[in-house]
Structure formats: C-alpha cells, structure tokens
C-alpha cells in the first residue's frame, strides 16, 4: 500500500517532538554528568618545595555534608595514603543543625591518628542564624571532643624535626568578627614559616604584608557549576578577589601565596560542572 501523504503541519509536529526529545535527552545527559562529576574526587598536588624534609599538609574544604557526593571512606583512604603531617579544614561543613551528627560521623571516619586544625565557614554560622548560641558552642565542643583543634583567630605551633611552624586559623570574613591581629598574636617568632588558613579568600586583603607566607582557603567551590563568561563569579559572587580574576587555584596576592581549594561538597544542588571536588596535598619548605 502507498502511505498517505503527511500534511505540512504533521511534519512540523514531528520536528517539534524530535527536537524536544533531543533537548530532554541532552538535559538529562548533562545532569547525569554533573552528578557523576560531583562524586569524582581529584587529588591536587601543590609543591612549594622539592625537598622531602619539609612539611606535608592535606587541605579539605567546603564539605557541605548534606549534599556530599564523595564517600568519607574514600577521603580517609586518600589521607592514609598521603600520610600528611597534619590536615587543615577551611570551613563550611553543615548547612542545618540537623546535619551535625552526620558531619561528626564524617570526622570520625577521617580522624584516625591525624592531627587536624579546623576553622568555620559562613554556612556553619548560618546554621545557627549567625548567632553564637548554646547549640553553636555545643557543635564546636563536639568537634573538639574528637581531638580536633578549632581555631578562631588563633595560632598553634606545630613542630617537626625541631623546626617550628605557625598554623594560624582566621575566622570567616563574612561573619564580621574576624580579628587578624589576634590570630597572629601568639605566633612563635622563631617559626620557619607562617601558615594561615581561613574560609573566605578575601581575608587575604586584610592580612598585613609580611604576616603570612601561605594562606589556604575555600568558599568559591571553583565555581561548582561552570557558566559562560565567568558568570558564576562575576554575577553570583560579591567578593573582591572574584572581580580581580582570582577565583581558584594558586595566586600571589598581597605578597602572600594564596591557594583557593575547590572544596569537596556542594551547595544548593549535588552537581558540579568543570569543577571537580578536590583534596589538596601541599608540600612546604
């Protein structure tokens, strides 16, 4: 039999249906890829020295435990393999107070025998409506009970092979209670280098020159989801460094070696695009 002639309107409808199907398929494919990337951990090596006698640090940032796609067991495996002298964690672990038990379990998974220094990020404060309530202090105490040092504008001296290193944790810039002068107050004058860490990289602009040799931060997520023309930074971020083109990775700002970690977790949605979750392994002299 000879097929009936299809009216022009019929061809148009078929074209529209096929086009919609292609768009939906592409959309689903992109979402699936972003879901995959959010769980695809990258180990970033950052070497400031070739010597094996220096300091080895692991940096973790922006855990966002409620939308974390990387398993704690995987992170623990990486840490054990790298065997750092200590770990720094640069903020944003919970979004809501109900996330606390899950985050504490995460810390237990990665702690083992490791020395960990930790500061808080804007989301950690926002979980308590930006108020240092009884529940906030209980949150901090639960972290400290695991043998983890929480640094609020404080310095701890780490010693290795009779060499001293100042480890300075600076409170989150957005919180507005940071005290840079206080953070460096107890720094050992005979320390080899000053290693500072904080959540928001813009704190770099508030540190007097000569105070910090290195600064390790997070907060920007490396953009998390790529948008054309850097819109994820120029439109969605208000920080000064973003406007200066300082968004992720290693930079020299204010005469400080600044490294901005992409973080491990996710905010708003459990997706990433062209910004894999990152653990940074840092080698210092």
Protein backbone atom coordinates (compact mmCIF):
# COMPACT_ATOMS: atom_id res chain seq x y z
CA UNK A 1 0.00 0.00 0.00
CA UNK A 2 1.16 3.56 -0.70
CA UNK A 3 1.46 5.59 2.53
CA UNK A 4 -0.86 8.52 2.84
CA UNK A 5 0.56 11.97 2.28
CA UNK A 6 1.54 13.69 5.55
CA UNK A 7 0.34 17.30 5.75
CA UNK A 8 2.92 20.05 6.31
CA UNK A 9 1.52 20.56 9.80
CA UNK A 10 2.23 16.90 10.53
CA UNK A 11 5.90 17.29 9.54
CA UNK A 12 6.17 20.33 11.79
CA UNK A 13 4.72 18.39 14.73
CA UNK A 14 7.14 15.51 14.16
CA UNK A 15 10.05 18.01 14.00
CA UNK A 16 8.95 19.63 17.27
CA UNK A 17 8.60 16.26 19.03
CA UNK A 18 12.03 15.11 17.86
CA UNK A 19 13.60 18.45 18.85
CA UNK A 20 12.05 18.29 22.32
CA UNK A 21 13.22 14.70 22.72
CA UNK A 22 16.80 15.72 21.81
CA UNK A 23 16.71 18.67 24.23
CA UNK A 24 15.40 16.46 27.05
CA UNK A 25 18.00 13.79 26.29
CA UNK A 26 20.80 16.37 26.30
CA UNK A 27 19.49 17.89 29.52
CA UNK A 28 19.31 14.52 31.26
CA UNK A 29 22.82 13.67 29.99
CA UNK A 30 24.25 16.92 31.36
CA UNK A 31 22.56 16.37 34.72
CA UNK A 32 23.90 12.81 34.87
CA UNK A 33 27.40 14.07 34.09
CA UNK A 34 27.20 16.80 36.76
CA UNK A 35 26.02 14.19 39.27
CA UNK A 36 28.97 12.00 38.29
CA UNK A 37 31.49 14.85 38.49
CA UNK A 38 30.30 15.80 41.98
CA UNK A 39 31.47 12.39 43.16
CA UNK A 40 34.67 12.23 41.09
CA UNK A 41 37.38 13.27 43.55
CA UNK A 42 40.62 14.85 42.29
CA UNK A 43 43.88 14.79 44.26
CA UNK A 44 45.71 18.07 43.65
CA UNK A 45 49.45 18.19 44.32
CA UNK A 46 50.74 21.63 45.29
CA UNK A 47 54.53 21.71 45.66
CA UNK A 48 56.36 24.75 47.02
CA UNK A 49 59.48 22.67 47.55
CA UNK A 50 61.17 19.60 46.08
CA UNK A 51 62.66 18.63 49.43
CA UNK A 52 61.24 15.60 51.21
CA UNK A 53 62.26 17.03 54.58
CA UNK A 54 59.69 19.82 54.63
CA UNK A 55 56.08 19.85 55.69
CA UNK A 56 53.26 17.87 54.08
CA UNK A 57 49.69 19.08 54.59
CA UNK A 58 46.31 17.92 53.34
CA UNK A 59 43.63 20.57 52.87
CA UNK A 60 39.93 19.77 52.92
CA UNK A 61 37.31 22.44 52.39
CA UNK A 62 33.57 23.01 51.89
CA UNK A 63 32.37 19.58 52.95
CA UNK A 64 28.66 20.54 52.90
CA UNK A 65 27.86 17.18 54.40
CA UNK A 66 24.17 17.24 53.41
CA UNK A 67 24.97 17.26 49.67
CA UNK A 68 28.34 15.49 49.75
CA UNK A 69 28.76 13.00 46.89
CA UNK A 70 32.25 11.78 47.80
CA UNK A 71 32.31 8.97 50.36
CA UNK A 72 34.07 9.63 53.65
CA UNK A 73 35.80 6.26 53.29
CA UNK A 74 37.36 7.42 50.02
CA UNK A 75 38.62 10.62 51.63
CA UNK A 76 40.01 8.61 54.53
CA UNK A 77 41.85 6.31 52.11
CA UNK A 78 43.47 9.29 50.39
CA UNK A 79 44.57 10.77 53.71
CA UNK A 80 46.04 7.49 54.90
CA UNK A 81 47.92 7.04 51.64
CA UNK A 82 49.32 10.58 51.70
CA UNK A 83 50.21 10.41 55.42
CA UNK A 84 50.35 14.20 55.97
CA UNK A 85 51.98 15.87 58.95
CA UNK A 86 48.60 17.45 59.61
CA UNK A 87 45.27 18.35 57.99
CA UNK A 88 43.67 21.77 57.67
CA UNK A 89 39.93 22.13 57.11
CA UNK A 90 38.82 25.52 55.83
CA UNK A 91 35.12 25.77 56.63
CA UNK A 92 31.53 25.08 55.55
CA UNK A 93 30.68 21.66 56.94
CA UNK A 94 26.97 21.90 57.71
CA UNK A 95 24.00 23.84 56.34
CA UNK A 96 21.44 22.97 59.02
CA UNK A 97 21.84 21.92 62.63
CA UNK A 98 20.34 18.55 61.77
CA UNK A 99 23.49 17.89 59.69
CA UNK A 100 25.72 17.86 62.79
CA UNK A 101 25.54 14.10 63.61
CA UNK A 102 26.39 13.22 60.01
CA UNK A 103 29.34 15.61 60.00
CA UNK A 104 30.64 14.25 63.31
CA UNK A 105 30.50 10.74 61.79
CA UNK A 106 32.45 12.09 58.82
CA UNK A 107 35.14 13.47 61.14
CA UNK A 108 35.37 10.17 62.98
CA UNK A 109 35.91 8.42 59.65
CA UNK A 110 38.84 10.63 58.63
CA UNK A 111 40.38 11.45 62.02
CA UNK A 112 42.22 8.22 62.91
CA UNK A 113 45.63 9.30 64.26
CA UNK A 114 45.74 12.50 62.18
CA UNK A 115 46.31 15.97 63.60
CA UNK A 116 43.54 18.25 62.33
CA UNK A 117 43.22 22.05 62.52
CA UNK A 118 39.80 23.43 61.61
CA UNK A 119 38.14 26.80 61.09
CA UNK A 120 34.49 27.55 60.40
CA UNK A 121 32.80 28.96 57.31
CA UNK A 122 29.76 31.14 56.67
CA UNK A 123 27.38 28.18 56.39
CA UNK A 124 28.49 26.86 59.79
CA UNK A 125 27.44 30.17 61.35
CA UNK A 126 24.30 30.49 59.26
CA UNK A 127 23.13 27.11 60.54
CA UNK A 128 22.74 28.86 63.90
CA UNK A 129 21.22 32.05 62.40
CA UNK A 130 24.68 33.68 62.66
CA UNK A 131 24.42 33.67 66.46
CA UNK A 132 26.80 32.05 68.90
CA UNK A 133 24.05 30.19 70.72
CA UNK A 134 24.34 27.36 73.21
CA UNK A 135 23.83 24.95 70.30
CA UNK A 136 26.69 26.62 68.39
CA UNK A 137 29.13 26.08 71.25
CA UNK A 138 27.91 22.50 71.62
CA UNK A 139 28.66 21.99 67.91
CA UNK A 140 32.21 23.28 68.37
CA UNK A 141 32.66 21.18 71.52
CA UNK A 142 31.59 18.00 69.72
CA UNK A 143 34.32 18.66 67.14
CA UNK A 144 36.92 19.33 69.80
CA UNK A 145 35.92 16.18 71.70
CA UNK A 146 37.32 14.21 68.76
CA UNK A 147 40.77 15.69 69.38
CA UNK A 148 40.42 18.24 66.59
CA UNK A 149 41.69 21.79 67.15
CA UNK A 150 39.19 24.50 66.23
CA UNK A 151 40.97 27.81 65.62
CA UNK A 152 39.01 31.07 65.99
CA UNK A 153 41.61 33.76 65.29
CA UNK A 154 44.23 31.65 66.99
CA UNK A 155 47.69 30.25 66.31
CA UNK A 156 49.10 26.86 67.19
CA UNK A 157 52.77 26.00 66.82
CA UNK A 158 53.43 22.72 65.02
CA UNK A 159 56.88 21.24 65.40
CA UNK A 160 58.60 18.74 63.12
CA UNK A 161 62.24 17.67 63.37
CA UNK A 162 62.87 20.56 65.80
CA UNK A 163 61.52 23.05 63.23
CA UNK A 164 58.57 25.23 64.27
CA UNK A 165 55.68 26.20 62.01
CA UNK A 166 52.94 28.67 62.93
CA UNK A 167 49.47 27.42 61.98
CA UNK A 168 47.01 30.31 62.07
CA UNK A 169 43.25 29.90 61.77
CA UNK A 170 41.36 33.11 60.91
CA UNK A 171 37.61 33.43 61.48
CA UNK A 172 35.30 33.76 58.49
CA UNK A 173 35.29 37.18 56.87
CA UNK A 174 31.56 37.23 56.15
CA UNK A 175 30.78 36.66 59.81
CA UNK A 176 32.41 40.01 60.52
CA UNK A 177 34.03 39.02 63.81
CA UNK A 178 37.45 38.12 62.45
CA UNK A 179 40.44 39.56 64.28
CA UNK A 180 43.59 39.21 62.20
CA UNK A 181 45.80 40.84 64.81
CA UNK A 182 44.58 38.43 67.47
CA UNK A 183 45.09 35.46 65.12
CA UNK A 184 48.81 36.20 64.79
CA UNK A 185 49.31 37.31 68.41
CA UNK A 186 50.70 34.01 69.71
CA UNK A 187 52.75 33.18 66.61
CA UNK A 188 56.24 31.96 67.52
CA UNK A 189 58.87 34.45 66.44
CA UNK A 190 61.34 31.67 65.68
CA UNK A 191 58.95 29.69 63.44
CA UNK A 192 60.20 28.88 59.95
CA UNK A 193 57.01 29.95 58.14
CA UNK A 194 53.52 31.24 58.91
CA UNK A 195 50.77 29.02 57.50
CA UNK A 196 47.37 30.72 57.66
CA UNK A 197 44.00 29.33 56.67
CA UNK A 198 40.50 30.74 56.58
CA UNK A 199 37.26 30.16 54.72
CA UNK A 200 36.79 33.26 52.56
CA UNK A 201 39.81 34.12 50.37
CA UNK A 202 39.06 37.85 50.60
CA UNK A 203 40.61 37.74 54.08
CA UNK A 204 43.90 37.87 52.18
CA UNK A 205 43.34 41.58 51.61
CA UNK A 206 43.12 42.19 55.37
CA UNK A 207 46.37 40.49 56.37
CA UNK A 208 49.29 42.91 56.83
CA UNK A 209 52.20 42.25 54.49
CA UNK A 210 54.85 40.02 55.97
CA UNK A 211 52.49 38.30 58.40
CA UNK A 212 51.57 35.20 56.39
CA UNK A 213 53.72 33.23 53.97
CA UNK A 214 50.88 30.98 52.85
CA UNK A 215 47.10 31.22 53.02
CA UNK A 216 44.74 28.35 52.23
CA UNK A 217 41.03 28.99 51.69
CA UNK A 218 37.89 27.64 50.02
CA UNK A 219 34.41 29.19 49.74
CA UNK A 220 34.23 29.67 45.94
CA UNK A 221 33.84 25.94 45.09
CA UNK A 222 35.84 26.65 41.95
CA UNK A 223 32.53 27.91 40.60
CA UNK A 224 30.88 24.49 41.23
CA UNK A 225 28.81 24.74 38.04
CA UNK A 226 30.51 26.40 35.10
CA UNK A 227 28.68 29.23 33.37
CA UNK A 228 29.87 31.13 30.27
CA UNK A 229 31.68 34.46 30.66
CA UNK A 230 32.57 33.59 34.29
CA UNK A 231 29.03 34.48 35.33
CA UNK A 232 29.24 32.15 38.35
CA UNK A 233 31.88 34.52 39.73
CA UNK A 234 31.05 37.95 38.31
CA UNK A 235 27.30 37.79 38.94
CA UNK A 236 26.77 35.26 41.73
CA UNK A 237 29.74 36.33 43.89
CA UNK A 238 30.34 39.68 45.57
CA UNK A 239 33.89 39.01 46.80
CA UNK A 240 36.63 41.40 45.69
CA UNK A 241 39.01 38.67 44.57
CA UNK A 242 36.45 37.31 42.11
CA UNK A 243 36.25 40.72 40.49
CA UNK A 244 40.06 40.65 40.25
CA UNK A 245 40.00 37.31 38.44
CA UNK A 246 41.27 35.39 41.48
CA UNK A 247 38.83 32.51 41.68
CA UNK A 248 40.55 29.19 42.32
CA UNK A 249 43.98 27.63 42.42
CA UNK A 250 47.28 29.33 43.27
CA UNK A 251 47.79 33.10 43.22
CA UNK A 252 50.12 35.70 44.69
CA UNK A 253 48.01 38.32 46.44
CA UNK A 254 49.19 40.91 48.94
CA UNK A 255 52.60 39.22 48.79
CA UNK A 256 51.01 36.01 50.13
CA UNK A 257 50.95 32.63 48.41
CA UNK A 258 47.17 32.16 48.28
CA UNK A 259 45.59 28.85 47.32
CA UNK A 260 41.82 28.56 46.82
CA UNK A 261 40.57 24.99 47.13
CA UNK A 262 37.54 23.91 45.04
CA UNK A 263 36.10 22.05 48.02
CA UNK A 264 34.61 18.58 48.23
CA UNK A 265 30.89 19.11 48.74
CA UNK A 266 28.15 21.07 47.02
CA UNK A 267 25.75 23.83 47.86
CA UNK A 268 22.08 24.05 46.72
CA UNK A 269 22.33 21.03 44.35
CA UNK A 270 24.55 17.91 44.37
CA UNK A 271 26.02 18.80 40.98
CA UNK A 272 29.35 20.09 39.63
CA UNK A 273 30.42 21.09 36.13
CA UNK A 274 34.10 21.57 35.19
CA UNK A 275 34.97 21.91 38.88
CA UNK A 276 35.74 18.50 40.37
CA UNK A 277 35.75 18.08 44.15
CA UNK A 278 39.29 18.46 45.40
CA UNK A 279 41.67 17.29 48.10
CA UNK A 280 44.88 19.34 48.06
CA UNK A 281 48.20 17.82 49.11
CA UNK A 282 50.59 20.65 49.95
CA UNK A 283 54.37 20.43 50.22
CA UNK A 284 56.00 23.30 52.13
CA UNK A 285 59.68 24.00 52.83
